[in-house]
Amino acid sequence: ASIGTAAFPQDAKDARDLVSIADTALFVAKHFGKGRAVSAGDLPTHVREMRTRLEEVVRDAQLRRELDPGAAIDLVALVRPLHELLRPQAPALARQNAEISELCRRFWPAFGLAAEAGDAVVAAALIIDIGRLAALSGAEATGGAMTASHPVIGASLLEPYRELDAVTDIVRHHHERWDGGGYPDGLRGESISPGARLYAAVDRYHWLTEAEPNAARLSPTEAVAQLRREAGGALAPDAVEVLARMLTQEAAA
């Protein structure tokens, strides 16, 4: 069995944080195979930097809210420092995340999300793959190495902060499938949050039109046709139809 360990107060600020960092270490241990033990101190330096920076920006946001209880928390501003830490480790991955985040900003109003839920999708897209860097070097992450553990690792880094609950949900569930065949929790249909359903469709559209090798890239019209073929399987039909409708309208304009 693999083991993840953390100690208080060296590695965590409270009980919830202690469980979170121990979980991160555990899933990193599992990534490297059975019978591994990883402590919080063994995690890569950039992961510890992410936790430290996140603690700082969340504390600042909490202080501002105490001064102005009616002020909304800017989720994108909260996670942007993590995205900036991602850039030197995996620049291509960070660039891709930023592109998908902008697409999410473009599409979420048509999906009928409330402003805070829309901001959560935009924010989550910026840091969707931070879990990959907890287990992999930047070069491996950029090369596209994927494991079923990376959504859980990424979510575990965010879980201590209740202000980021909606972002954490999307990070954890962005590889779930409408038909229940995804991971890590095998969620199906509307048990997947609207934000995670929208993100998955936008991510797939981006891959079809931008991330494939140049010779294989699809036009927006071709990509819409492919998304519709995948609706009801990998992708949520409601999210696909929103993208299809907007893209068709834009093509006709």
C-alpha atoms as a PDB file:
ATOM      1  CA  ALA A   1       0.000   0.000   0.000  1.00  0.00           C
ATOM      2  CA  SER A   2       1.103   3.560  -0.674  1.00  0.00           C
ATOM      3  CA  ILE A   3       1.272   6.123   2.130  1.00  0.00           C
ATOM      4  CA  GLY A   4       1.107   9.915   2.263  1.00  0.00           C
ATOM      5  CA  THR A   5       2.096  11.732   5.426  1.00  0.00           C
ATOM      6  CA  ALA A   6       2.039  15.273   6.780  1.00  0.00           C
ATOM      7  CA  ALA A   7       2.792  16.786  10.181  1.00  0.00           C
ATOM      8  CA  PHE A   8       1.212  19.626  12.127  1.00  0.00           C
ATOM      9  CA  PRO A   9       2.201  22.432  12.363  1.00  0.00           C
ATOM     10  CA  GLN A  10       5.162  22.045   9.993  1.00  0.00           C
ATOM     11  CA  ASP A  11       3.095  21.164   6.927  1.00  0.00           C
ATOM     12  CA  ALA A  12      -0.396  22.501   7.607  1.00  0.00           C
ATOM     13  CA  LYS A  13      -2.271  25.374   9.231  1.00  0.00           C
ATOM     14  CA  ASP A  14      -5.239  23.385  10.596  1.00  0.00           C
ATOM     15  CA  ALA A  15      -6.897  19.957  10.571  1.00  0.00           C
ATOM     16  CA  ARG A  16      -8.544  20.397   7.152  1.00  0.00           C
ATOM     17  CA  ASP A  17      -5.271  21.547   5.625  1.00  0.00           C
ATOM     18  CA  LEU A  18      -3.408  18.640   7.257  1.00  0.00           C
ATOM     19  CA  VAL A  19      -5.749  16.085   5.672  1.00  0.00           C
ATOM     20  CA  SER A  20      -5.497  17.890   2.326  1.00  0.00           C
ATOM     21  CA  ILE A  21      -1.694  17.933   2.135  1.00  0.00           C
ATOM     22  CA  ALA A  22      -1.505  14.319   3.335  1.00  0.00           C
ATOM     23  CA  ASP A  23      -3.974  13.387   0.569  1.00  0.00           C
ATOM     24  CA  THR A  24      -1.813  15.194  -1.982  1.00  0.00           C
ATOM     25  CA  ALA A  25       1.230  13.236  -0.821  1.00  0.00           C
ATOM     26  CA  LEU A  26      -0.776   9.983  -0.913  1.00  0.00           C
ATOM     27  CA  PHE A  27      -1.951  10.441  -4.484  1.00  0.00           C
ATOM     28  CA  VAL A  28       1.561  11.380  -5.576  1.00  0.00           C
ATOM     29  CA  ALA A  29       2.794   8.181  -3.909  1.00  0.00           C
ATOM     30  CA  LYS A  30       0.144   6.168  -5.773  1.00  0.00           C
ATOM     31  CA  HIS A  31       1.183   7.774  -9.039  1.00  0.00           C
ATOM     32  CA  PHE A  32       4.683   6.354  -8.650  1.00  0.00           C
ATOM     33  CA  GLY A  33       3.404   2.832  -7.944  1.00  0.00           C
ATOM     34  CA  LYS A  34       2.485   0.508  -5.101  1.00  0.00           C
ATOM     35  CA  GLY A  35       4.386   0.423  -1.846  1.00  0.00           C
ATOM     36  CA  ARG A  36       5.563   4.046  -1.950  1.00  0.00           C
ATOM     37  CA  ALA A  37       5.638   6.499   0.947  1.00  0.00           C
ATOM     38  CA  VAL A  38       5.656  10.255   0.257  1.00  0.00           C
ATOM     39  CA  SER A  39       5.678  12.967   2.921  1.00  0.00           C
ATOM     40  CA  ALA A  40       4.548  16.543   2.485  1.00  0.00           C
ATOM     41  CA  GLY A  41       8.218  17.542   2.613  1.00  0.00           C
ATOM     42  CA  ASP A  42       8.935  15.271  -0.369  1.00  0.00           C
ATOM     43  CA  LEU A  43       6.555  17.130  -2.666  1.00  0.00           C
ATOM     44  CA  PRO A  44       8.203  19.154  -5.436  1.00  0.00           C
ATOM     45  CA  THR A  45       9.306  22.663  -4.526  1.00  0.00           C
ATOM     46  CA  HIS A  46       6.870  24.248  -6.985  1.00  0.00           C
ATOM     47  CA  VAL A  47       3.964  22.474  -5.273  1.00  0.00           C
ATOM     48  CA  ARG A  48       4.962  23.863  -1.891  1.00  0.00           C
ATOM     49  CA  GLU A  49       5.317  27.297  -3.518  1.00  0.00           C
ATOM     50  CA  MET A  50       1.774  26.968  -4.884  1.00  0.00           C
ATOM     51  CA  ARG A  51       0.404  26.192  -1.440  1.00  0.00           C
ATOM     52  CA  THR A  52       2.259  29.112   0.119  1.00  0.00           C
ATOM     53  CA  ARG A  53       1.112  31.548  -2.566  1.00  0.00           C
ATOM     54  CA  LEU A  54      -2.462  30.308  -2.387  1.00  0.00           C
ATOM     55  CA  GLU A  55      -2.483  30.769   1.374  1.00  0.00           C
ATOM     56  CA  GLU A  56      -1.330  34.370   0.915  1.00  0.00           C
ATOM     57  CA  VAL A  57      -3.898  35.361  -1.710  1.00  0.00           C
ATOM     58  CA  VAL A  58      -6.808  33.687   0.107  1.00  0.00           C
ATOM     59  CA  ARG A  59      -5.852  35.412   3.357  1.00  0.00           C
ATOM     60  CA  ASP A  60      -5.749  38.762   1.559  1.00  0.00           C
ATOM     61  CA  ALA A  61      -9.193  38.099   0.066  1.00  0.00           C
ATOM     62  CA  GLN A  62     -10.578  37.188   3.481  1.00  0.00           C
ATOM     63  CA  LEU A  63      -9.234  40.410   4.982  1.00  0.00           C
ATOM     64  CA  ARG A  64     -10.782  42.482   2.201  1.00  0.00           C
ATOM     65  CA  ARG A  65     -14.103  40.748   2.757  1.00  0.00           C
ATOM     66  CA  GLU A  66     -13.965  41.514   6.477  1.00  0.00           C
ATOM     67  CA  LEU A  67     -13.560  45.188   5.580  1.00  0.00           C
ATOM     68  CA  ASP A  68     -16.371  45.001   3.019  1.00  0.00           C
ATOM     69  CA  PRO A  69     -18.678  42.028   3.797  1.00  0.00           C
ATOM     70  CA  GLY A  70     -20.736  42.646   0.670  1.00  0.00           C
ATOM     71  CA  ALA A  71     -17.785  42.400  -1.698  1.00  0.00           C
ATOM     72  CA  ALA A  72     -17.631  39.404  -4.017  1.00  0.00           C
ATOM     73  CA  ILE A  73     -14.450  37.329  -4.113  1.00  0.00           C
ATOM     74  CA  ASP A  74     -12.699  37.464  -7.478  1.00  0.00           C
ATOM     75  CA  LEU A  75     -12.012  33.774  -8.120  1.00  0.00           C
ATOM     76  CA  VAL A  76      -9.894  34.426 -11.201  1.00  0.00           C
ATOM     77  CA  ALA A  77      -7.674  36.825  -9.255  1.00  0.00           C
ATOM     78  CA  LEU A  78      -7.325  34.227  -6.488  1.00  0.00           C
ATOM     79  CA  VAL A  79      -6.009  31.493  -8.770  1.00  0.00           C
ATOM     80  CA  ARG A  80      -3.987  33.604 -11.200  1.00  0.00           C
ATOM     81  CA  PRO A  81      -0.860  33.478  -8.982  1.00  0.00           C
ATOM     82  CA  LEU A  82      -0.994  29.680  -9.236  1.00  0.00           C
ATOM     83  CA  HIS A  83      -1.186  29.960 -13.002  1.00  0.00           C
ATOM     84  CA  GLU A  84       1.845  32.249 -12.950  1.00  0.00           C
ATOM     85  CA  LEU A  85       3.756  29.632 -10.930  1.00  0.00           C
ATOM     86  CA  LEU A  86       2.730  27.002 -13.488  1.00  0.00           C
ATOM     87  CA  ARG A  87       4.169  28.941 -16.428  1.00  0.00           C
ATOM     88  CA  PRO A  88       7.910  28.387 -15.806  1.00  0.00           C
ATOM     89  CA  GLN A  89       7.344  24.698 -14.996  1.00  0.00           C
ATOM     90  CA  ALA A  90       5.245  23.895 -18.070  1.00  0.00           C
ATOM     91  CA  PRO A  91       4.874  26.922 -20.361  1.00  0.00           C
ATOM     92  CA  ALA A  92       3.016  25.116 -23.156  1.00  0.00           C
ATOM     93  CA  LEU A  93       0.534  23.685 -20.679  1.00  0.00           C
ATOM     94  CA  ALA A  94       0.037  27.076 -19.034  1.00  0.00           C
ATOM     95  CA  ARG A  95      -0.570  28.688 -22.423  1.00  0.00           C
ATOM     96  CA  GLN A  96      -3.140  26.039 -23.298  1.00  0.00           C
ATOM     97  CA  ASN A  97      -4.900  26.529 -19.961  1.00  0.00           C
ATOM     98  CA  ALA A  98      -5.055  30.294 -20.549  1.00  0.00           C
ATOM     99  CA  GLU A  99      -6.565  29.802 -24.014  1.00  0.00           C
ATOM    100  CA  ILE A 100      -9.245  27.451 -22.699  1.00  0.00           C
ATOM    101  CA  SER A 101      -9.969  29.853 -19.832  1.00  0.00           C
ATOM    102  CA  GLU A 102     -10.684  32.620 -22.341  1.00  0.00           C
ATOM    103  CA  LEU A 103     -12.984  30.313 -24.307  1.00  0.00           C
ATOM    104  CA  CYS A 104     -14.851  29.511 -21.091  1.00  0.00           C
ATOM    105  CA  ARG A 105     -15.231  33.251 -20.457  1.00  0.00           C
ATOM    106  CA  ARG A 106     -16.730  33.567 -23.928  1.00  0.00           C
ATOM    107  CA  PHE A 107     -19.208  30.702 -23.608  1.00  0.00           C
ATOM    108  CA  TRP A 108     -20.411  30.578 -19.989  1.00  0.00           C
ATOM    109  CA  PRO A 109     -23.059  33.355 -20.206  1.00  0.00           C
ATOM    110  CA  ALA A 110     -24.880  31.424 -22.959  1.00  0.00           C
ATOM    111  CA  PHE A 111     -24.886  28.320 -20.735  1.00  0.00           C
ATOM    112  CA  GLY A 112     -27.051  30.177 -18.236  1.00  0.00           C
ATOM    113  CA  LEU A 113     -24.600  30.143 -15.353  1.00  0.00           C
ATOM    114  CA  ALA A 114     -24.757  32.723 -12.588  1.00  0.00           C
ATOM    115  CA  ALA A 115     -21.828  35.152 -12.590  1.00  0.00           C
ATOM    116  CA  GLU A 116     -20.024  33.441  -9.706  1.00  0.00           C
ATOM    117  CA  ALA A 117     -20.411  30.002 -11.311  1.00  0.00           C
ATOM    118  CA  GLY A 118     -19.143  31.386 -14.614  1.00  0.00           C
ATOM    119  CA  ASP A 119     -16.125  32.914 -12.905  1.00  0.00           C
ATOM    120  CA  ALA A 120     -15.439  29.534 -11.281  1.00  0.00           C
ATOM    121  CA  VAL A 121     -15.210  27.879 -14.721  1.00  0.00           C
ATOM    122  CA  VAL A 122     -12.858  30.591 -15.991  1.00  0.00           C
ATOM    123  CA  ALA A 123     -10.713  30.304 -12.850  1.00  0.00           C
ATOM    124  CA  ALA A 124     -10.646  26.503 -12.856  1.00  0.00           C
ATOM    125  CA  ALA A 125      -9.549  26.423 -16.494  1.00  0.00           C
ATOM    126  CA  LEU A 126      -6.457  28.465 -15.609  1.00  0.00           C
ATOM    127  CA  ILE A 127      -5.227  25.863 -13.110  1.00  0.00           C
ATOM    128  CA  ILE A 128      -6.998  22.712 -14.300  1.00  0.00           C
ATOM    129  CA  ASP A 129      -3.783  20.710 -14.581  1.00  0.00           C
ATOM    130  CA  ILE A 130      -1.898  21.749 -11.454  1.00  0.00           C
ATOM    131  CA  GLY A 131      -2.248  18.193 -10.193  1.00  0.00           C
ATOM    132  CA  ARG A 132      -0.076  16.963 -13.037  1.00  0.00           C
ATOM    133  CA  LEU A 133       2.820  19.058 -11.780  1.00  0.00           C
ATOM    134  CA  ALA A 134       2.521  17.615  -8.287  1.00  0.00           C
ATOM    135  CA  ALA A 135       3.476  14.203  -9.640  1.00  0.00           C
ATOM    136  CA  LEU A 136       5.439  15.014 -12.782  1.00  0.00           C
ATOM    137  CA  SER A 137       8.286  17.214 -13.867  1.00  0.00           C
ATOM    138  CA  GLY A 138       7.408  20.174 -16.056  1.00  0.00           C
ATOM    139  CA  ALA A 139       8.846  18.443 -19.138  1.00  0.00           C
ATOM    140  CA  GLU A 140       6.685  15.353 -18.594  1.00  0.00           C
ATOM    141  CA  ALA A 141       3.581  17.446 -17.981  1.00  0.00           C
ATOM    142  CA  THR A 142       4.177  19.475 -21.127  1.00  0.00           C
ATOM    143  CA  GLY A 143       4.594  16.270 -23.080  1.00  0.00           C
ATOM    144  CA  GLY A 144       1.055  15.285 -22.208  1.00  0.00           C
ATOM    145  CA  ALA A 145       1.568  12.582 -19.595  1.00  0.00           C
ATOM    146  CA  MET A 146      -1.808  11.904 -17.999  1.00  0.00           C
ATOM    147  CA  THR A 147      -2.842   9.863 -14.984  1.00  0.00           C
ATOM    148  CA  ALA A 148      -6.216   9.239 -13.414  1.00  0.00           C
ATOM    149  CA  SER A 149      -4.876  10.726 -10.192  1.00  0.00           C
ATOM    150  CA  HIS A 150      -4.094  14.236 -11.383  1.00  0.00           C
ATOM    151  CA  PRO A 151      -7.622  15.691 -10.931  1.00  0.00           C
ATOM    152  CA  VAL A 152      -7.668  14.430  -7.334  1.00  0.00           C
ATOM    153  CA  ILE A 153      -4.164  15.759  -6.651  1.00  0.00           C
ATOM    154  CA  GLY A 154      -5.118  19.163  -8.046  1.00  0.00           C
ATOM    155  CA  ALA A 155      -8.345  19.282  -6.045  1.00  0.00           C
ATOM    156  CA  SER A 156      -6.517  18.304  -2.863  1.00  0.00           C
ATOM    157  CA  LEU A 157      -4.304  21.387  -3.197  1.00  0.00           C
ATOM    158  CA  LEU A 158      -7.416  23.609  -3.280  1.00  0.00           C
ATOM    159  CA  GLU A 159      -9.681  21.846  -0.773  1.00  0.00           C
ATOM    160  CA  PRO A 160      -8.502  23.700   2.369  1.00  0.00           C
ATOM    161  CA  TYR A 161      -9.986  26.921   0.990  1.00  0.00           C
ATOM    162  CA  ARG A 162     -13.788  27.068   1.107  1.00  0.00           C
ATOM    163  CA  GLU A 163     -13.732  30.190  -1.042  1.00  0.00           C
ATOM    164  CA  LEU A 164     -12.570  27.924  -3.883  1.00  0.00           C
ATOM    165  CA  ASP A 165     -15.120  25.117  -3.465  1.00  0.00           C
ATOM    166  CA  ALA A 166     -16.687  25.679  -6.899  1.00  0.00           C
ATOM    167  CA  VAL A 167     -13.256  25.790  -8.551  1.00  0.00           C
ATOM    168  CA  THR A 168     -12.186  22.654  -6.677  1.00  0.00           C
ATOM    169  CA  ASP A 169     -15.257  20.789  -7.970  1.00  0.00           C
ATOM    170  CA  ILE A 170     -14.383  21.564 -11.591  1.00  0.00           C
ATOM    171  CA  VAL A 171     -10.705  20.684 -11.152  1.00  0.00           C
ATOM    172  CA  ARG A 172     -11.673  17.332  -9.616  1.00  0.00           C
ATOM    173  CA  HIS A 173     -14.372  16.442 -12.146  1.00  0.00           C
ATOM    174  CA  HIS A 174     -13.115  17.803 -15.469  1.00  0.00           C
ATOM    175  CA  HIS A 175     -12.482  14.266 -16.770  1.00  0.00           C
ATOM    176  CA  GLU A 176     -15.904  12.889 -15.856  1.00  0.00           C
ATOM    177  CA  ARG A 177     -18.083  11.763 -18.779  1.00  0.00           C
ATOM    178  CA  TRP A 178     -21.795  12.230 -19.345  1.00  0.00           C
ATOM    179  CA  ASP A 179     -22.179   8.440 -19.791  1.00  0.00           C
ATOM    180  CA  GLY A 180     -20.444   7.700 -16.468  1.00  0.00           C
ATOM    181  CA  GLY A 181     -17.243   6.360 -17.978  1.00  0.00           C
ATOM    182  CA  GLY A 182     -14.931   9.124 -16.740  1.00  0.00           C
ATOM    183  CA  TYR A 183     -12.774   9.579 -13.677  1.00  0.00           C
ATOM    184  CA  PRO A 184     -12.014   9.944 -10.797  1.00  0.00           C
ATOM    185  CA  ASP A 185     -15.528   9.386  -9.382  1.00  0.00           C
ATOM    186  CA  GLY A 186     -17.455   7.909 -12.302  1.00  0.00           C
ATOM    187  CA  LEU A 187     -20.114  10.615 -12.140  1.00  0.00           C
ATOM    188  CA  ARG A 188     -22.898  10.431 -14.706  1.00  0.00           C
ATOM    189  CA  GLY A 189     -25.239  12.940 -16.347  1.00  0.00           C
ATOM    190  CA  GLU A 190     -26.456  15.822 -14.245  1.00  0.00           C
ATOM    191  CA  SER A 191     -24.547  14.596 -11.193  1.00  0.00           C
ATOM    192  CA  ILE A 192     -21.623  16.330 -12.930  1.00  0.00           C
ATOM    193  CA  SER A 193     -21.773  20.033 -12.082  1.00  0.00           C
ATOM    194  CA  PRO A 194     -22.743  22.460 -14.875  1.00  0.00           C
ATOM    195  CA  GLY A 195     -19.327  24.103 -14.643  1.00  0.00           C
ATOM    196  CA  ALA A 196     -17.486  20.817 -15.129  1.00  0.00           C
ATOM    197  CA  ARG A 197     -19.807  19.851 -18.018  1.00  0.00           C
ATOM    198  CA  LEU A 198     -19.175  23.158 -19.777  1.00  0.00           C
ATOM    199  CA  TYR A 199     -15.433  22.972 -19.197  1.00  0.00           C
ATOM    200  CA  ALA A 200     -15.247  19.488 -20.736  1.00  0.00           C
ATOM    201  CA  ALA A 201     -17.012  20.617 -23.910  1.00  0.00           C
ATOM    202  CA  VAL A 202     -14.881  23.751 -24.261  1.00  0.00           C
ATOM    203  CA  ASP A 203     -11.695  21.775 -23.636  1.00  0.00           C
ATOM    204  CA  ARG A 204     -12.655  19.273 -26.337  1.00  0.00           C
ATOM    205  CA  TYR A 205     -13.458  22.055 -28.798  1.00  0.00           C
ATOM    206  CA  HIS A 206     -10.077  23.649 -28.112  1.00  0.00           C
ATOM    207  CA  TRP A 207      -8.318  20.342 -28.672  1.00  0.00           C
ATOM    208  CA  LEU A 208     -10.081  19.741 -31.963  1.00  0.00           C
ATOM    209  CA  THR A 209      -9.357  23.226 -33.341  1.00  0.00           C
ATOM    210  CA  GLU A 210      -6.022  24.152 -31.745  1.00  0.00           C
ATOM    211  CA  ALA A 211      -4.171  21.397 -29.916  1.00  0.00           C
ATOM    212  CA  GLU A 212      -4.129  18.717 -32.603  1.00  0.00           C
ATOM    213  CA  PRO A 213      -1.159  18.747 -35.025  1.00  0.00           C
ATOM    214  CA  ASN A 214      -1.736  21.368 -37.697  1.00  0.00           C
ATOM    215  CA  ALA A 215      -2.669  18.837 -40.383  1.00  0.00           C
ATOM    216  CA  ALA A 216      -5.381  17.343 -38.169  1.00  0.00           C
ATOM    217  CA  ARG A 217      -6.963  20.547 -36.850  1.00  0.00           C
ATOM    218  CA  LEU A 218     -10.644  20.928 -37.587  1.00  0.00           C
ATOM    219  CA  SER A 219     -12.465  24.058 -38.670  1.00  0.00           C
ATOM    220  CA  PRO A 220     -15.068  25.392 -36.212  1.00  0.00           C
ATOM    221  CA  THR A 221     -17.837  23.875 -38.342  1.00  0.00           C
ATOM    222  CA  GLU A 222     -16.116  20.484 -38.433  1.00  0.00           C
ATOM    223  CA  ALA A 223     -15.455  20.686 -34.698  1.00  0.00           C
ATOM    224  CA  VAL A 224     -19.139  21.372 -33.992  1.00  0.00           C
ATOM    225  CA  ALA A 225     -20.084  18.260 -35.969  1.00  0.00           C
ATOM    226  CA  GLN A 226     -17.594  16.200 -33.965  1.00  0.00           C
ATOM    227  CA  LEU A 227     -18.839  17.599 -30.648  1.00  0.00           C
ATOM    228  CA  ARG A 228     -22.389  16.625 -31.583  1.00  0.00           C
ATOM    229  CA  ARG A 229     -21.220  13.090 -32.319  1.00  0.00           C
ATOM    230  CA  GLU A 230     -19.705  12.929 -28.831  1.00  0.00           C
ATOM    231  CA  ALA A 231     -22.742  14.434 -27.071  1.00  0.00           C
ATOM    232  CA  GLY A 232     -24.384  11.914 -24.769  1.00  0.00           C
ATOM    233  CA  GLY A 233     -21.183   9.921 -24.530  1.00  0.00           C
ATOM    234  CA  ALA A 234     -18.148  11.814 -23.332  1.00  0.00           C
ATOM    235  CA  LEU A 235     -19.826  15.219 -23.442  1.00  0.00           C
ATOM    236  CA  ALA A 236     -22.968  16.715 -21.935  1.00  0.00           C
ATOM    237  CA  PRO A 237     -25.599  17.390 -24.632  1.00  0.00           C
ATOM    238  CA  ASP A 238     -26.604  20.726 -23.046  1.00  0.00           C
ATOM    239  CA  ALA A 239     -23.040  22.033 -23.081  1.00  0.00           C
ATOM    240  CA  VAL A 240     -22.459  20.856 -26.652  1.00  0.00           C
ATOM    241  CA  GLU A 241     -25.604  22.582 -27.878  1.00  0.00           C
ATOM    242  CA  VAL A 242     -24.592  25.873 -26.292  1.00  0.00           C
ATOM    243  CA  LEU A 243     -21.233  25.781 -28.052  1.00  0.00           C
ATOM    244  CA  ALA A 244     -22.797  24.618 -31.320  1.00  0.00           C
ATOM    245  CA  ARG A 245     -25.412  27.370 -31.280  1.00  0.00           C
ATOM    246  CA  MET A 246     -22.924  30.151 -30.517  1.00  0.00           C
ATOM    247  CA  LEU A 247     -20.338  28.944 -33.019  1.00  0.00           C
ATOM    248  CA  THR A 248     -22.953  28.533 -35.761  1.00  0.00           C
ATOM    249  CA  GLN A 249     -24.282  32.047 -35.113  1.00  0.00           C
ATOM    250  CA  GLU A 250     -20.776  33.483 -35.215  1.00  0.00           C
ATOM    251  CA  ALA A 251     -20.007  31.683 -38.474  1.00  0.00           C
ATOM    252  CA  ALA A 252     -23.161  33.105 -40.035  1.00  0.00           C
ATOM    253  CA  ALA A 253     -22.489  36.663 -38.876  1.00  0.00           C
END
